[in-house]
């Protein structure tokens, strides 16, 4: 549903998407919730550094300075404990971010409050919350870690979008997957659809783009030099007739994209670096992973490109099901799509297969048919010889624990040392002993 310009556009954001909270995440993992809360209280005057979505929020709030009345409202929506929330609010004040409303939920799932809070766009490092938001019809992005250096335009908010499953639905992508093996079949399909005037259906981010278009057309909202304060780009893998259909659809919607890049099979990161967006939205994990090395980026967890069984997208930056309580539901509240059926024992073969399925969610194989990191193989050897009952406990905790912030085969993402990985896997292995009756 489109937001009237008479009402502020409400952006909901998790604290870990707004600020850098990796240190706090590690404290929770290694020391537990009480230590995490105490750390936040003890460091209330140590302001958190900007996170991936900080430049976007800063630029969005700047629009209020250019308008006679507020057009943007930012709401921090966090599963953090209220006792630990003051540091987040003080950090927002320190950085000049106007946060009038906030919600700190002590582990309660965020999705149930998005509509009551009138959220129009939601950004988080919790993939489960992002998926739930999208299912409610709220545009939402799973935020990746920030690039090492962020360069954004000083006076113009710039946002880049992918096309299918983001601005448009993934209907065309589904057709492409069916026809891609037949030379020219998809191009002919798109040509006929464009000729017949069949517009592309709207996707999850269409309401956000429509709101941007209305802001751009409002002559009362301008920079001091009279330039438009928002610039948009559509960066898509489409080409040929498929691009024509995009143009015709946007024309039918009355929307003018400022820059359109039809990349075909070429990577998007070089164009994105030149455009300097405050954020880039794409549904494909591989596109987001590459883009996130050079610009702030977020994955839209909807559509055929997102595997239905995927609990953690294959991009850096997520929080696992038992990660920082500021951003994740408790285990009892969050469904686990990798849950092992209740059983007393599990074979070594089934254990090996289940572990490999989890590990491959976090270690892209670059097209290889097999192969895991040596540390993962060591984990399989050490735990495969356990009893069937112990294997069940180890596998269950591996699936619940989450490994979304582990190193991958992509050198751009290797930001943790091997000793950290060993420590995490060792902690999971210990559950086989600690859970014994």
Protein backbone atom coordinates (compact mmCIF):
# COMPACT_ATOMS: atom_id res chain seq x y z
CA UNK A 1 0.00 0.00 0.00
CA UNK A 2 1.35 3.45 -0.94
CA UNK A 3 1.96 5.99 1.82
CA UNK A 4 0.25 9.38 1.37
CA UNK A 5 2.69 12.28 1.33
CA UNK A 6 0.63 13.82 4.11
CA UNK A 7 1.96 11.04 6.37
CA UNK A 8 5.65 10.46 7.15
CA UNK A 9 7.23 7.43 5.52
CA UNK A 10 8.20 5.23 8.48
CA UNK A 11 11.49 3.32 8.35
CA UNK A 12 11.95 0.60 10.94
CA UNK A 13 15.53 -0.46 11.59
CA UNK A 14 17.26 -2.90 13.91
CA UNK A 15 20.06 -1.59 16.10
CA UNK A 16 22.67 -3.84 14.47
CA UNK A 17 21.73 -2.57 11.00
CA UNK A 18 22.05 1.02 12.19
CA UNK A 19 25.20 0.63 14.31
CA UNK A 20 28.27 -1.61 14.39
CA UNK A 21 27.59 -4.18 17.12
CA UNK A 22 29.99 -7.03 16.33
CA UNK A 23 31.83 -6.64 19.65
CA UNK A 24 28.53 -6.82 21.54
CA UNK A 25 27.57 -9.87 19.49
CA UNK A 26 30.78 -11.63 20.50
CA UNK A 27 30.19 -10.80 24.18
CA UNK A 28 26.76 -12.38 24.05
CA UNK A 29 28.07 -15.49 22.31
CA UNK A 30 31.04 -15.99 24.60
CA UNK A 31 29.76 -14.64 27.93
CA UNK A 32 25.97 -14.81 27.82
CA UNK A 33 23.00 -12.45 28.10
CA UNK A 34 23.70 -11.00 31.59
CA UNK A 35 27.22 -10.03 30.54
CA UNK A 36 25.90 -8.52 27.33
CA UNK A 37 23.35 -6.37 29.19
CA UNK A 38 25.94 -5.32 31.76
CA UNK A 39 28.35 -4.36 28.99
CA UNK A 40 25.72 -2.16 27.35
CA UNK A 41 24.94 -0.44 30.64
CA UNK A 42 28.60 0.04 31.55
CA UNK A 43 29.30 1.56 28.12
CA UNK A 44 26.29 3.83 27.77
CA UNK A 45 28.58 6.81 27.20
CA UNK A 46 30.68 4.92 24.63
CA UNK A 47 28.70 5.67 21.51
CA UNK A 48 28.31 2.96 18.90
CA UNK A 49 29.92 3.49 15.50
CA UNK A 50 27.83 3.74 12.31
CA UNK A 51 26.71 0.46 10.74
CA UNK A 52 25.74 -0.49 7.19
CA UNK A 53 22.42 1.37 7.05
CA UNK A 54 23.61 4.46 8.95
CA UNK A 55 24.35 6.56 5.83
CA UNK A 56 20.91 5.72 4.42
CA UNK A 57 19.09 6.72 7.62
CA UNK A 58 21.15 9.90 7.89
CA UNK A 59 20.30 10.87 4.30
CA UNK A 60 16.62 10.00 4.70
CA UNK A 61 16.30 12.17 7.82
CA UNK A 62 17.95 15.02 5.94
CA UNK A 63 14.81 15.18 3.76
CA UNK A 64 12.92 16.53 6.77
CA UNK A 65 15.19 19.60 6.72
CA UNK A 66 14.16 20.30 3.13
CA UNK A 67 10.42 19.93 3.69
CA UNK A 68 7.87 22.14 5.43
CA UNK A 69 6.73 19.11 7.42
CA UNK A 70 8.42 15.77 8.22
CA UNK A 71 8.35 13.25 5.39
CA UNK A 72 10.47 10.59 7.16
CA UNK A 73 10.25 8.98 10.57
CA UNK A 74 12.80 6.47 11.85
CA UNK A 75 11.81 3.84 14.42
CA UNK A 76 14.39 1.58 16.06
CA UNK A 77 12.73 -1.85 16.29
CA UNK A 78 14.90 -4.23 18.27
CA UNK A 79 14.67 -7.48 20.19
CA UNK A 80 17.10 -5.97 22.66
CA UNK A 81 16.32 -5.94 26.36
CA UNK A 82 15.00 -2.50 27.43
CA UNK A 83 17.62 -2.45 30.19
CA UNK A 84 20.31 -2.40 27.51
CA UNK A 85 18.53 0.03 25.17
CA UNK A 86 19.82 3.34 26.48
CA UNK A 87 23.18 2.99 24.75
CA UNK A 88 21.44 2.66 21.38
CA UNK A 89 19.29 5.75 21.95
CA UNK A 90 22.24 7.77 23.22
CA UNK A 91 24.28 6.73 20.20
CA UNK A 92 21.49 7.93 17.89
CA UNK A 93 21.41 11.30 19.69
CA UNK A 94 25.19 11.57 19.53
CA UNK A 95 25.17 11.07 15.77
CA UNK A 96 22.34 13.56 15.26
CA UNK A 97 19.71 10.99 14.28
CA UNK A 98 16.19 11.96 15.31
CA UNK A 99 14.56 8.81 16.68
CA UNK A 100 11.20 9.71 18.21
CA UNK A 101 9.76 6.20 18.51
CA UNK A 102 11.45 2.92 19.41
CA UNK A 103 10.52 -0.61 20.42
CA UNK A 104 12.72 -2.92 22.51
CA UNK A 105 11.10 -6.34 22.73
CA UNK A 106 13.28 -8.61 24.91
CA UNK A 107 13.44 -11.38 22.34
CA UNK A 108 9.86 -11.13 21.05
CA UNK A 109 9.61 -11.54 17.26
CA UNK A 110 9.61 -8.16 15.56
CA UNK A 111 7.15 -8.96 12.76
CA UNK A 112 4.00 -8.83 14.92
CA UNK A 113 4.65 -5.17 15.69
CA UNK A 114 5.59 -3.87 12.22
CA UNK A 115 2.02 -3.10 11.13
CA UNK A 116 0.94 -1.61 14.50
CA UNK A 117 4.03 0.63 14.33
CA UNK A 118 3.05 1.62 10.74
CA UNK A 119 6.44 0.56 9.34
CA UNK A 120 6.75 1.20 5.58
CA UNK A 121 10.33 -0.09 5.16
CA UNK A 122 12.21 -2.48 7.45
CA UNK A 123 15.98 -3.11 7.59
CA UNK A 124 17.53 -5.77 9.78
CA UNK A 125 20.38 -8.24 10.18
CA UNK A 126 17.90 -10.91 11.21
CA UNK A 127 16.85 -12.88 8.09
CA UNK A 128 13.86 -14.43 9.86
CA UNK A 129 12.46 -10.99 10.71
CA UNK A 130 13.08 -9.80 7.15
CA UNK A 131 11.22 -12.76 5.65
CA UNK A 132 8.31 -12.25 8.04
CA UNK A 133 8.12 -8.56 7.15
CA UNK A 134 8.02 -9.34 3.43
CA UNK A 135 5.24 -11.87 4.01
CA UNK A 136 3.26 -9.08 5.68
CA UNK A 137 3.74 -6.88 2.61
CA UNK A 138 6.35 -4.62 4.23
CA UNK A 139 9.39 -3.90 2.01
CA UNK A 140 12.34 -5.33 3.92
CA UNK A 141 16.06 -5.92 3.42
CA UNK A 142 18.55 -8.27 5.08
CA UNK A 143 21.52 -5.97 5.63
CA UNK A 144 25.03 -7.14 4.77
CA UNK A 145 28.18 -6.01 6.55
CA UNK A 146 29.42 -2.59 5.37
CA UNK A 147 32.29 -2.21 2.91
CA UNK A 148 35.66 -1.19 4.29
CA UNK A 149 35.15 2.34 2.97
CA UNK A 150 31.80 4.00 2.27
CA UNK A 151 31.63 6.88 -0.20
CA UNK A 152 28.17 8.42 -0.62
CA UNK A 153 26.93 11.66 -2.12
CA UNK A 154 26.88 14.49 0.42
CA UNK A 155 23.64 16.23 -0.55
CA UNK A 156 21.74 13.66 -2.61
CA UNK A 157 20.21 10.44 -1.33
CA UNK A 158 20.99 7.69 -3.83
CA UNK A 159 19.26 4.31 -3.85
CA UNK A 160 19.86 1.47 -6.30
CA UNK A 161 17.47 -1.39 -6.96
CA UNK A 162 17.51 -4.69 -8.79
CA UNK A 163 14.46 -5.33 -10.97
CA UNK A 164 12.89 -8.80 -10.63
CA UNK A 165 11.75 -9.82 -7.12
CA UNK A 166 12.57 -6.31 -5.88
CA UNK A 167 10.80 -3.55 -7.85
CA UNK A 168 8.83 -6.12 -9.86
CA UNK A 169 7.57 -9.54 -8.89
CA UNK A 170 9.62 -12.63 -9.70
CA UNK A 171 7.08 -13.87 -12.28
CA UNK A 172 9.42 -13.12 -15.17
CA UNK A 173 12.30 -14.80 -13.36
CA UNK A 174 10.21 -17.94 -13.00
CA UNK A 175 9.53 -17.92 -16.75
CA UNK A 176 13.23 -17.37 -17.43
CA UNK A 177 14.18 -20.39 -15.32
CA UNK A 178 11.80 -22.52 -17.41
CA UNK A 179 12.90 -21.18 -20.81
CA UNK A 180 16.62 -20.47 -20.35
CA UNK A 181 17.66 -23.83 -21.81
CA UNK A 182 15.98 -22.99 -25.14
CA UNK A 183 18.02 -20.46 -27.19
CA UNK A 184 16.06 -17.27 -27.76
CA UNK A 185 12.90 -18.55 -26.05
CA UNK A 186 12.93 -16.11 -23.15
CA UNK A 187 13.84 -13.15 -25.37
CA UNK A 188 10.91 -14.00 -27.63
CA UNK A 189 8.61 -14.30 -24.62
CA UNK A 190 9.63 -10.86 -23.32
CA UNK A 191 9.31 -9.31 -26.78
CA UNK A 192 5.76 -10.64 -27.14
CA UNK A 193 4.82 -9.52 -23.62
CA UNK A 194 6.18 -6.02 -24.23
CA UNK A 195 4.45 -5.80 -27.62
CA UNK A 196 1.16 -6.87 -26.08
CA UNK A 197 1.53 -4.22 -23.39
CA UNK A 198 1.66 -6.75 -20.56
CA UNK A 199 3.19 -4.80 -17.72
CA UNK A 200 5.37 -6.44 -15.08
CA UNK A 201 3.56 -7.06 -11.77
CA UNK A 202 4.68 -4.95 -8.82
CA UNK A 203 7.25 -6.42 -6.44
CA UNK A 204 7.87 -5.89 -2.72
CA UNK A 205 9.76 -2.60 -3.15
CA UNK A 206 7.35 -0.99 -5.62
CA UNK A 207 5.64 1.04 -2.83
CA UNK A 208 9.01 2.42 -1.72
CA UNK A 209 9.92 3.40 -5.28
CA UNK A 210 6.52 5.05 -5.78
CA UNK A 211 7.03 7.09 -2.62
CA UNK A 212 10.47 8.18 -3.81
CA UNK A 213 8.99 9.20 -7.17
CA UNK A 214 6.41 11.42 -5.43
CA UNK A 215 9.12 13.08 -3.34
CA UNK A 216 11.14 13.70 -6.49
CA UNK A 217 8.16 15.36 -8.17
CA UNK A 218 7.40 17.61 -5.19
CA UNK A 219 8.86 20.99 -6.17
CA UNK A 220 8.73 22.12 -2.53
CA UNK A 221 11.35 19.53 -1.53
CA UNK A 222 14.61 20.65 -3.12
CA UNK A 223 18.23 21.23 -2.21
CA UNK A 224 19.46 24.80 -1.86
CA UNK A 225 20.75 24.65 -5.43
CA UNK A 226 17.23 23.51 -6.54
CA UNK A 227 18.42 19.98 -7.39
CA UNK A 228 16.25 16.96 -6.55
CA UNK A 229 17.41 15.45 -3.21
CA UNK A 230 16.90 11.80 -4.25
CA UNK A 231 18.39 9.95 -7.22
CA UNK A 232 17.53 6.37 -8.17
CA UNK A 233 19.16 3.67 -10.27
CA UNK A 234 17.85 0.36 -11.57
CA UNK A 235 20.73 -2.10 -11.96
CA UNK A 236 19.43 -5.29 -13.52
CA UNK A 237 20.74 -8.40 -15.23
CA UNK A 238 18.02 -7.97 -17.86
CA UNK A 239 18.90 -6.95 -21.41
CA UNK A 240 17.31 -6.61 -24.86
CA UNK A 241 13.54 -6.96 -24.97
CA UNK A 242 13.51 -7.69 -21.25
CA UNK A 243 14.77 -4.16 -20.64
CA UNK A 244 12.10 -2.69 -22.92
CA UNK A 245 9.42 -4.27 -20.79
CA UNK A 246 10.95 -2.68 -17.68
CA UNK A 247 10.87 0.76 -19.31
CA UNK A 248 7.27 0.34 -20.47
CA UNK A 249 6.16 -0.81 -17.02
CA UNK A 250 7.79 2.12 -15.24
CA UNK A 251 6.22 4.46 -17.80
CA UNK A 252 2.83 2.89 -17.09
CA UNK A 253 3.39 3.50 -13.37
CA UNK A 254 4.32 7.13 -14.01
CA UNK A 255 7.81 6.62 -12.55
CA UNK A 256 11.03 7.97 -14.04
CA UNK A 257 14.15 6.11 -12.95
CA UNK A 258 17.17 8.42 -13.07
CA UNK A 259 19.67 5.79 -14.22
CA UNK A 260 19.04 2.38 -15.78
CA UNK A 261 21.77 -0.22 -16.23
CA UNK A 262 21.01 -3.43 -18.14
CA UNK A 263 24.03 -5.51 -17.22
CA UNK A 264 23.27 -8.89 -18.76
CA UNK A 265 25.92 -11.26 -17.39
CA UNK A 266 28.30 -8.46 -16.36
CA UNK A 267 28.81 -7.96 -12.59
CA UNK A 268 27.06 -5.01 -10.99
CA UNK A 269 29.67 -3.90 -8.47
CA UNK A 270 31.67 -1.57 -10.75
CA UNK A 271 28.58 0.36 -11.81
CA UNK A 272 27.39 0.54 -8.21
CA UNK A 273 30.73 1.88 -7.03
CA UNK A 274 30.44 4.67 -9.61
CA UNK A 275 26.80 5.45 -8.68
CA UNK A 276 27.67 5.62 -4.94
CA UNK A 277 24.31 4.53 -3.51
CA UNK A 278 23.45 4.82 0.15
CA UNK A 279 22.08 1.29 -0.27
CA UNK A 280 21.51 -1.32 -3.00
CA UNK A 281 18.66 -3.84 -2.86
CA UNK A 282 18.89 -7.18 -4.72
CA UNK A 283 17.27 -10.57 -4.21
CA UNK A 284 20.27 -12.70 -5.22
CA UNK A 285 22.80 -13.49 -2.49
CA UNK A 286 25.72 -13.62 -4.94
CA UNK A 287 24.89 -10.15 -6.29
CA UNK A 288 24.56 -8.71 -2.79
CA UNK A 289 27.77 -10.38 -1.63
CA UNK A 290 29.76 -8.79 -4.43
CA UNK A 291 28.05 -5.40 -4.14
CA UNK A 292 28.56 -5.30 -0.36
CA UNK A 293 32.33 -5.18 -0.89
CA UNK A 294 31.99 -1.69 -2.39
CA UNK A 295 28.63 -0.19 -1.30
CA UNK A 296 26.05 -0.67 1.48
CA UNK A 297 23.75 -3.49 0.36
CA UNK A 298 20.81 -5.59 1.48
CA UNK A 299 19.17 -8.76 0.23
CA UNK A 300 15.42 -8.98 -0.41
CA UNK A 301 14.57 -12.45 0.86
CA UNK A 302 11.67 -13.12 -1.47
CA UNK A 303 11.27 -14.85 -4.80
CA UNK A 304 12.57 -17.85 -6.68
CA UNK A 305 16.23 -16.83 -6.20
CA UNK A 306 15.90 -17.34 -2.43
CA UNK A 307 15.83 -21.02 -1.56
CA UNK A 308 12.75 -21.85 0.54
CA UNK A 309 14.77 -23.98 2.94
CA UNK A 310 17.40 -21.30 3.43
CA UNK A 311 17.56 -20.17 7.06
CA UNK A 312 20.57 -17.88 6.55
CA UNK A 313 21.26 -16.16 3.22
CA UNK A 314 24.72 -16.70 1.81
CA UNK A 315 25.87 -13.16 2.55
CA UNK A 316 27.94 -11.82 5.38
CA UNK A 317 26.20 -9.77 8.00
CA UNK A 318 23.38 -11.85 9.45
CA UNK A 319 22.71 -12.77 13.02
CA UNK A 320 22.12 -16.44 13.76
CA UNK A 321 19.10 -17.78 15.66
CA UNK A 322 20.98 -17.53 18.96
CA UNK A 323 22.98 -14.44 18.19
CA UNK A 324 22.70 -11.02 19.84
CA UNK A 325 19.32 -10.96 21.60
CA UNK A 326 18.92 -7.41 20.34
CA UNK A 327 17.99 -8.79 16.94
CA UNK A 328 16.82 -12.38 17.19
CA UNK A 329 13.84 -14.25 18.63
CA UNK A 330 14.37 -16.76 21.39
CA UNK A 331 14.73 -20.37 20.30
CA UNK A 332 11.22 -21.19 21.49
CA UNK A 333 9.75 -18.35 19.44
CA UNK A 334 11.60 -18.81 16.16
CA UNK A 335 10.85 -21.75 13.88
CA UNK A 336 13.95 -23.65 12.77
CA UNK A 337 13.72 -24.79 9.18
CA UNK A 338 16.64 -27.17 9.67
CA UNK A 339 15.16 -28.78 12.78
CA UNK A 340 16.00 -32.48 13.18
CA UNK A 341 12.89 -34.59 13.85
CA UNK A 342 12.65 -35.78 17.44
CA UNK A 343 14.57 -39.05 17.67
CA UNK A 344 16.78 -40.92 20.10
CA UNK A 345 19.60 -41.71 17.71
CA UNK A 346 21.00 -40.82 14.31
CA UNK A 347 23.36 -42.74 12.03
CA UNK A 348 26.83 -41.47 11.22
CA UNK A 349 25.83 -41.14 7.56
CA UNK A 350 22.77 -39.01 8.40
CA UNK A 351 24.85 -36.95 10.82
CA UNK A 352 27.49 -36.29 8.17
CA UNK A 353 24.85 -35.33 5.60
CA UNK A 354 23.03 -33.01 8.02
CA UNK A 355 26.22 -31.22 9.03
CA UNK A 356 27.34 -30.74 5.45
CA UNK A 357 23.95 -29.26 4.58
CA UNK A 358 24.41 -26.65 7.31
CA UNK A 359 28.04 -25.89 6.47
CA UNK A 360 27.26 -25.30 2.81
CA UNK A 361 24.83 -22.54 3.74
CA UNK A 362 27.78 -20.49 4.96
CA UNK A 363 30.62 -21.54 2.65
CA UNK A 364 30.04 -20.81 -1.04
CA UNK A 365 31.68 -23.52 -3.12
CA UNK A 366 32.20 -21.46 -6.28
CA UNK A 367 30.57 -24.05 -8.46
CA UNK A 368 32.40 -27.01 -6.96
CA UNK A 369 30.39 -30.18 -6.40
CA UNK A 370 32.06 -31.01 -3.11
CA UNK A 371 34.57 -29.75 -0.62
CA UNK A 372 34.41 -28.02 2.75
CA UNK A 373 36.75 -25.91 4.81
CA UNK A 374 39.31 -28.07 6.72
CA UNK A 375 37.86 -26.94 10.04
CA UNK A 376 34.44 -28.23 9.03
CA UNK A 377 35.94 -31.56 7.99
CA UNK A 378 37.72 -31.78 11.35
CA UNK A 379 34.38 -31.18 13.08
CA UNK A 380 32.82 -34.06 11.12
CA UNK A 381 35.66 -36.46 12.01
CA UNK A 382 35.66 -35.59 15.69
CA UNK A 383 31.93 -35.83 16.19
CA UNK A 384 31.01 -38.56 13.71
CA UNK A 385 32.43 -41.23 16.03
CA UNK A 386 30.12 -40.26 18.89
CA UNK A 387 27.12 -42.33 19.91
CA UNK A 388 23.91 -41.94 17.97
CA UNK A 389 22.31 -40.00 20.83
CA UNK A 390 25.24 -37.61 21.07
CA UNK A 391 25.23 -37.06 17.30
CA UNK A 392 21.59 -35.95 17.53
CA UNK A 393 22.44 -33.31 20.15
CA UNK A 394 25.46 -32.03 18.23
CA UNK A 395 23.53 -31.72 14.96
CA UNK A 396 20.53 -30.05 16.61
CA UNK A 397 22.76 -27.45 18.26
CA UNK A 398 24.77 -26.89 15.09
CA UNK A 399 21.54 -26.12 13.25
CA UNK A 400 20.25 -23.83 15.99
CA UNK A 401 23.53 -22.12 16.77
CA UNK A 402 24.05 -20.67 13.30
CA UNK A 403 27.36 -19.91 11.64
CA UNK A 404 26.38 -16.92 9.51
CA UNK A 405 29.41 -14.85 10.52
CA UNK A 406 32.03 -17.48 9.69
CA UNK A 407 34.67 -16.96 7.01
CA UNK A 408 33.82 -18.06 3.49
CA UNK A 409 35.88 -18.99 0.46
CA UNK A 410 35.52 -15.40 -0.75
CA UNK A 411 38.66 -13.56 0.45
CA UNK A 412 36.69 -10.30 0.59
CA UNK A 413 34.65 -11.78 3.43
CA UNK A 414 37.38 -13.47 5.49
CA UNK A 415 37.25 -11.17 8.51
CA UNK A 416 37.59 -13.71 11.28
CA UNK A 417 40.61 -15.80 12.27
CA UNK A 418 40.60 -19.57 12.25
CA UNK A 419 40.86 -19.65 16.04
CA UNK A 420 37.44 -17.95 16.25
CA UNK A 421 35.90 -20.60 14.03
CA UNK A 422 37.52 -23.37 16.06
CA UNK A 423 36.10 -21.85 19.24
CA UNK A 424 32.57 -21.76 17.85
CA UNK A 425 32.67 -25.31 16.58
CA UNK A 426 34.19 -26.52 19.85
CA UNK A 427 31.34 -24.92 21.77
CA UNK A 428 28.83 -26.84 19.64
CA UNK A 429 30.73 -30.11 20.15
CA UNK A 430 30.65 -29.63 23.92
CA UNK A 431 26.85 -29.82 23.87
CA UNK A 432 27.06 -33.58 23.31
CA UNK A 433 28.60 -33.93 26.76
CA UNK A 434 26.81 -31.11 28.60
CA UNK A 435 23.35 -32.35 27.56
CA UNK A 436 23.86 -35.87 28.86
CA UNK A 437 21.23 -36.92 31.39
